[in-house]
Structures are given as structure tokens and as C-alpha cells.
Amino acid sequence: MHEGIRLHLAGSGGGTGCAAGAGAITRLYEQGVIPHASHALSGDALNLGLAAAGQVEHLRPGWTSGLAREKFTSLARALFSRDLRRYMDLKGLIYRMIKPVFDEDAYRRSPTLVSIGVTEKRKRAGRFFTNRDTVDPLKVFEATEAIPGLADPVDIEGETYEDGMLSFTLGDLVKKAKAEGANFVIALDSQWGPKRKPVQAKADPDCELVVVRPSRMPLHPLTADARTNREAFDAGYSAVKNNAHLQGLLKDAGI
């Protein structure tokens, strides 16, 4: 990367957008993109955390087959237990799938500063944890995905936290990147649902913003269905690979 380029990644995940984000991040890292900083919410926190630790190879199998194998979501499980929080096995995802492979030391030593947004439940206020903090990163990954009603909130150092998407949007992550000195931001806009607010790449003389948005992505909440997640992953991967504007900018940046 040319000297003077301060590249940041931003990903908000959400539903099958987490799998699409994993595909986009996989392609970027395959091309040699090593961001100065990453800003993330929801499942993209896991994606960018593993990538920062040098473990991007775990993203494809994790999203395309691992969730199905671990039965991450199950309506039958929730109905049988009469507890909607059993629909999503968030602790299983974090502690059965991620913990055995996650290189925490590499994550903390990574040249990429990773910021993960969460919501403090008591104050209903957002905050960010980074890979430079001393808190358990697995708890932070769990907290940013803790959707109220579908997962229990997470205690971190005496405070209770839940879903980062309650406090922040992808647009907020882009603003954060710019405020921290980024002059090149790649924003992964893959949230699902008809009411989402797409980020627009507005002209800015101080920062080149490229919004990566899959052209054909299934609009679904997070699921353990292998085929759906595989389609979303491939859509995210292709959205980077086939983005001529982004590819031109990366070439100009010496990547």
C-alpha cells in the first residue's frame, strides 16, 4: 500500500449480511488489503476480528457450513423450550465455533485496530471496545450480536451490553473512520430488510468512500440454512471482485 493511504473497513452485518460481509472481507484480504483500522457491528465484528488476527480462512467454512452443523438457529428448539431466546444459539456460536480456533494473541497484536460497537443496556448508549482493550474479546463479539429477545445481554466489567446495531449504523461507522483520519474507506453495506438505509458514497475531497453492496443477496434474517448463507457469502465475495471502481482504486493505492 502506498505511503499516505490510511485505509479503513466498516461492516455492520445484520442477518445474512453477516455472511455477505464474510465473503467481501475474504476477497479483500485475498487481494492483500490490510486496513489500518476496522469498525464493526454484529456478525461483521467476528468477521473483521478473525481477519485482523490473520484467520480469514475460517470465514468461508464458518458461514457456509459451520452454522448449519451447529444448528445456530432453530425454531423448533425455541418452541419446544417456550423461550424465544433459544432460537439463536449465540453462546454456541462464540464458544463452540469461534473459541477453539480464535488466536486471541494475534488479534491483540494485529496491526489493524479493530473497533466493535455495543449498546450499554442500562444507559441505552453505544460505545466501542477495541482489540487494544483488556476485556475478553469473545464477550465483546457476543455482546454486539446479542439481539434483545433472542439472546441474553452480556456482562463486561460490571456493565451489561447488547446488540451494537441498537446504537450505531453503517453510516456512523463511516463517520468514525473519517474522524480517525481515514482517507480511504470501504463500507460493506449488506444489511438485510426493506427498511435499511443504504450508505451513499458522497463526494469528499479528504476521503475516498467506496460502498460495497451485493447486487443479488437473499434478504433474510440470520439463519443456519447452509444454502442461504452460501449464496450470501458468494454475493459478498463477488461484490468486491466485480467492483471495477474499487479494483481500480486498490490498484492505484498499490494493493
Protein backbone atom coordinates (compact mmCIF):
# COMPACT_ATOMS: atom_id res chain seq x y z
CA MET A 1 0.00 0.00 0.00
CA HIS A 2 1.35 3.42 -0.93
CA GLU A 3 2.58 5.64 1.89
CA GLY A 4 -0.07 8.11 2.92
CA ILE A 5 -3.01 5.78 2.29
CA ARG A 6 -4.99 5.28 5.50
CA LEU A 7 -7.50 2.59 4.63
CA HIS A 8 -10.32 1.63 6.98
CA LEU A 9 -13.02 -1.06 6.63
CA ALA A 10 -16.53 -0.72 8.03
CA GLY A 11 -19.09 -3.50 8.31
CA SER A 12 -22.44 -3.56 10.07
CA GLY A 13 -23.51 -7.15 9.33
CA GLY A 14 -27.11 -7.96 10.20
CA GLY A 15 -28.98 -11.09 9.09
CA THR A 16 -27.49 -12.86 6.09
CA GLY A 17 -25.50 -9.68 5.59
CA CYS A 18 -23.03 -11.20 8.07
CA ALA A 19 -22.31 -14.00 5.59
CA ALA A 20 -22.13 -11.49 2.73
CA GLY A 21 -19.71 -9.41 4.78
CA ALA A 22 -17.58 -12.50 5.34
CA GLY A 23 -17.42 -13.05 1.59
CA ALA A 24 -16.43 -9.44 0.90
CA ILE A 25 -13.78 -9.46 3.65
CA THR A 26 -12.38 -12.76 2.38
CA ARG A 27 -11.92 -11.32 -1.11
CA LEU A 28 -10.34 -8.10 0.20
CA TYR A 29 -7.81 -9.96 2.32
CA GLU A 30 -7.04 -12.37 -0.52
CA GLN A 31 -6.09 -9.31 -2.56
CA GLY A 32 -3.75 -8.11 0.15
CA VAL A 33 -5.91 -5.43 1.76
CA ILE A 34 -4.65 -4.91 5.31
CA PRO A 35 -6.62 -1.99 6.78
CA HIS A 36 -5.21 0.43 9.31
CA ALA A 37 -8.48 0.05 11.22
CA SER A 38 -11.76 -1.84 11.06
CA HIS A 39 -15.09 -0.75 12.56
CA ALA A 40 -17.81 -3.35 13.02
CA LEU A 41 -21.17 -4.36 14.41
CA SER A 42 -23.00 -7.68 14.70
CA GLY A 43 -21.53 -10.62 12.77
CA ASP A 44 -19.06 -8.39 10.94
CA ALA A 45 -17.29 -7.98 14.29
CA LEU A 46 -16.48 -11.69 14.18
CA ASN A 47 -15.53 -11.44 10.51
CA LEU A 48 -13.20 -8.48 10.90
CA GLY A 49 -11.85 -9.78 14.21
CA LEU A 50 -10.78 -13.10 12.68
CA ALA A 51 -9.39 -11.29 9.63
CA ALA A 52 -7.33 -8.94 11.83
CA ALA A 53 -5.93 -12.00 13.64
CA GLY A 54 -4.78 -13.41 10.29
CA GLN A 55 -7.50 -16.07 10.28
CA VAL A 56 -9.62 -15.06 7.30
CA GLU A 57 -9.57 -18.67 6.07
CA HIS A 58 -12.11 -19.57 8.76
CA LEU A 59 -14.80 -17.26 7.39
CA ARG A 60 -15.96 -19.31 4.41
CA PRO A 61 -16.38 -22.67 6.19
CA GLY A 62 -17.80 -21.00 9.29
CA TRP A 63 -20.62 -19.23 7.47
CA THR A 64 -21.32 -21.71 4.67
CA SER A 65 -21.36 -24.93 6.71
CA GLY A 66 -20.48 -24.32 10.35
CA LEU A 67 -23.73 -22.58 11.32
CA ALA A 68 -25.77 -25.41 9.85
CA ARG A 69 -23.67 -28.05 11.60
CA GLU A 70 -24.00 -26.31 14.96
CA LYS A 71 -27.76 -25.60 14.47
CA PHE A 72 -27.14 -21.92 15.24
CA THR A 73 -30.82 -21.11 14.68
CA SER A 74 -33.74 -23.42 15.38
CA LEU A 75 -37.42 -22.51 15.57
CA ALA A 76 -38.23 -26.00 16.90
CA ARG A 77 -35.77 -25.52 19.76
CA ALA A 78 -37.40 -22.20 20.71
CA LEU A 79 -40.93 -23.60 20.52
CA PHE A 80 -40.05 -26.72 22.50
CA SER A 81 -38.45 -24.70 25.30
CA ARG A 82 -41.09 -21.94 25.08
CA ASP A 83 -38.23 -19.45 25.15
CA LEU A 84 -37.61 -17.32 22.06
CA ARG A 85 -34.03 -16.76 23.22
CA ARG A 86 -33.35 -20.41 22.39
CA TYR A 87 -33.97 -19.68 18.69
CA MET A 88 -30.43 -18.33 18.33
CA ASP A 89 -27.60 -20.23 20.00
CA LEU A 90 -25.23 -17.28 20.30
CA LYS A 91 -23.10 -18.79 23.06
CA GLY A 92 -22.70 -21.93 20.95
CA LEU A 93 -21.50 -19.83 18.02
CA ILE A 94 -18.96 -17.97 20.12
CA TYR A 95 -17.71 -20.72 22.40
CA ARG A 96 -18.06 -23.88 20.27
CA MET A 97 -17.21 -22.50 16.84
CA ILE A 98 -15.04 -19.43 17.43
CA LYS A 99 -13.15 -20.02 20.68
CA PRO A 100 -11.35 -23.24 19.57
CA VAL A 101 -9.83 -21.54 16.51
CA PHE A 102 -9.56 -17.89 17.57
CA ASP A 103 -5.99 -16.60 18.05
CA GLU A 104 -6.57 -14.00 20.75
CA ASP A 105 -2.89 -13.08 20.98
CA ALA A 106 -2.69 -12.38 17.22
CA TYR A 107 -5.92 -10.36 17.47
CA ARG A 108 -4.47 -8.16 20.19
CA ARG A 109 -1.13 -7.73 18.37
CA SER A 110 -2.71 -7.11 14.98
CA PRO A 111 -1.52 -4.03 13.08
CA THR A 112 -5.22 -3.36 12.41
CA LEU A 113 -7.08 -1.51 15.16
CA VAL A 114 -10.49 -3.21 15.48
CA SER A 115 -13.39 -1.24 17.00
CA ILE A 116 -16.61 -3.06 17.85
CA GLY A 117 -19.81 -1.24 18.71
CA VAL A 118 -22.11 -2.39 21.52
CA THR A 119 -25.03 -0.89 23.44
CA GLU A 120 -24.92 -0.39 27.19
CA LYS A 121 -28.31 -1.68 28.30
CA ARG A 122 -28.74 0.45 31.44
CA LYS A 123 -27.98 3.78 29.76
CA ARG A 124 -29.21 2.79 26.27
CA ALA A 125 -25.99 4.30 24.97
CA GLY A 126 -23.47 3.00 22.48
CA ARG A 127 -19.75 2.56 22.97
CA PHE A 128 -16.83 0.83 21.28
CA PHE A 129 -14.41 -1.80 22.51
CA THR A 130 -11.13 -2.36 20.64
CA ASN A 131 -8.55 -5.11 20.35
CA ARG A 132 -6.25 -2.93 22.47
CA ASP A 133 -8.61 -3.17 25.45
CA THR A 134 -8.01 -5.76 28.17
CA VAL A 135 -11.57 -7.14 28.13
CA ASP A 136 -12.34 -10.63 26.83
CA PRO A 137 -12.84 -10.19 23.06
CA LEU A 138 -15.18 -13.19 22.89
CA LYS A 139 -17.56 -11.40 25.26
CA VAL A 140 -17.43 -8.34 23.01
CA PHE A 141 -18.22 -10.48 19.95
CA GLU A 142 -21.12 -11.98 21.85
CA ALA A 143 -22.42 -8.61 23.06
CA THR A 144 -22.53 -6.91 19.67
CA GLU A 145 -24.74 -9.76 18.38
CA ALA A 146 -26.99 -10.02 21.45
CA ILE A 147 -30.35 -9.11 19.89
CA PRO A 148 -32.87 -8.27 22.64
CA GLY A 149 -35.44 -11.04 22.96
CA LEU A 150 -33.31 -13.51 21.00
CA ALA A 151 -30.20 -13.55 23.17
CA ASP A 152 -29.24 -12.68 26.72
CA PRO A 153 -27.29 -9.44 27.28
CA VAL A 154 -23.61 -9.83 28.15
CA ASP A 155 -21.82 -8.64 31.29
CA ILE A 156 -18.46 -6.97 30.71
CA GLU A 157 -16.59 -5.41 33.62
CA GLY A 158 -19.71 -4.70 35.67
CA GLU A 159 -21.89 -3.34 32.87
CA THR A 160 -24.43 -5.15 30.70
CA TYR A 161 -24.24 -4.84 26.91
CA GLU A 162 -26.29 -5.92 23.91
CA ASP A 163 -26.64 -5.51 20.15
CA GLY A 164 -24.44 -2.76 18.72
CA MET A 165 -26.95 -2.14 15.93
CA LEU A 166 -29.30 -0.61 18.52
CA SER A 167 -26.92 2.34 18.77
CA PHE A 168 -24.97 2.55 15.52
CA THR A 169 -25.48 2.33 11.77
CA LEU A 170 -23.02 1.72 8.97
CA GLY A 171 -23.09 5.47 8.36
CA ASP A 172 -21.92 6.01 11.94
CA LEU A 173 -19.01 3.63 11.35
CA VAL A 174 -18.00 5.55 8.23
CA LYS A 175 -18.10 8.83 10.17
CA LYS A 176 -15.96 7.24 12.89
CA ALA A 177 -13.40 6.10 10.31
CA LYS A 178 -13.17 9.59 8.83
CA ALA A 179 -12.87 11.18 12.27
CA GLU A 180 -9.93 8.87 12.99
CA GLY A 181 -8.06 10.01 9.90
CA ALA A 182 -9.08 7.58 7.18
CA ASN A 183 -8.67 8.83 3.63
CA PHE A 184 -9.94 5.63 2.03
CA VAL A 185 -12.95 3.79 3.48
CA ILE A 186 -14.51 0.59 2.20
CA ALA A 187 -18.01 0.22 3.66
CA LEU A 188 -19.71 -3.17 3.47
CA ASP A 189 -23.40 -2.40 3.03
CA SER A 190 -25.07 -5.80 3.22
CA GLN A 191 -27.82 -5.38 5.81
CA TRP A 192 -30.99 -7.25 5.07
CA GLY A 193 -34.53 -5.91 5.03
CA PRO A 194 -36.57 -3.35 3.09
CA LYS A 195 -36.26 -0.60 5.73
CA ARG A 196 -32.48 -0.43 5.81
CA LYS A 197 -30.85 2.89 4.96
CA PRO A 198 -28.14 2.44 2.33
CA VAL A 199 -24.94 4.42 2.74
CA GLN A 200 -24.33 6.82 -0.13
CA ALA A 201 -20.82 7.45 -1.41
CA LYS A 202 -20.89 11.26 -1.39
CA ALA A 203 -18.03 13.32 -2.81
CA ASP A 204 -15.44 14.13 -0.14
CA PRO A 205 -12.08 15.70 -1.09
CA ASP A 206 -10.46 14.31 2.05
CA CYS A 207 -11.68 10.71 1.89
CA GLU A 208 -12.46 8.21 -0.86
CA LEU A 209 -15.53 6.20 0.19
CA VAL A 210 -16.45 3.02 -1.68
CA VAL A 211 -19.68 1.31 -0.72
CA VAL A 212 -19.67 -2.41 -1.48
CA ARG A 213 -23.24 -3.60 -1.91
CA PRO A 214 -24.10 -7.11 -3.19
CA SER A 215 -26.30 -6.84 -6.28
CA ARG A 216 -28.09 -10.13 -5.63
CA MET A 217 -28.28 -11.07 -1.99
CA PRO A 218 -31.05 -13.02 -0.26
CA LEU A 219 -32.93 -10.75 2.12
CA HIS A 220 -33.19 -12.90 5.23
CA PRO A 221 -32.64 -12.63 8.96
CA LEU A 222 -29.72 -14.65 10.26
CA THR A 223 -30.23 -18.33 9.53
CA ALA A 224 -28.39 -21.62 9.84
CA ASP A 225 -29.51 -22.70 6.36
CA ALA A 226 -26.30 -23.63 4.54
CA ARG A 227 -27.56 -22.81 1.05
CA THR A 228 -28.83 -19.35 2.00
CA ASN A 229 -25.60 -18.45 3.78
CA ARG A 230 -23.50 -19.82 0.91
CA GLU A 231 -25.41 -17.63 -1.56
CA ALA A 232 -24.92 -14.59 0.66
CA PHE A 233 -21.19 -15.31 1.11
CA ASP A 234 -20.71 -15.66 -2.65
CA ALA A 235 -22.68 -12.46 -3.25
CA GLY A 236 -20.38 -10.52 -0.92
CA TYR A 237 -17.27 -12.05 -2.48
CA SER A 238 -18.44 -11.15 -5.99
CA ALA A 239 -19.42 -7.63 -4.94
CA VAL A 240 -15.74 -6.91 -4.23
CA LYS A 241 -14.27 -8.92 -7.09
CA ASN A 242 -16.56 -7.37 -9.72
CA ASN A 243 -16.49 -3.78 -8.45
CA ALA A 244 -14.43 -2.11 -11.18
CA HIS A 245 -14.27 1.22 -9.34
CA LEU A 246 -12.97 -0.39 -6.16
CA GLN A 247 -10.49 -2.56 -8.03
CA GLY A 248 -9.13 0.49 -9.82
CA LEU A 249 -8.69 2.38 -6.57
CA LEU A 250 -6.94 -0.58 -4.92
CA LYS A 251 -4.56 -0.80 -7.88
CA ASP A 252 -3.84 2.92 -7.68
CA ALA A 253 -3.18 2.51 -3.94
CA GLY A 254 -0.56 -0.12 -4.66
CA ILE A 255 -2.59 -3.09 -3.48
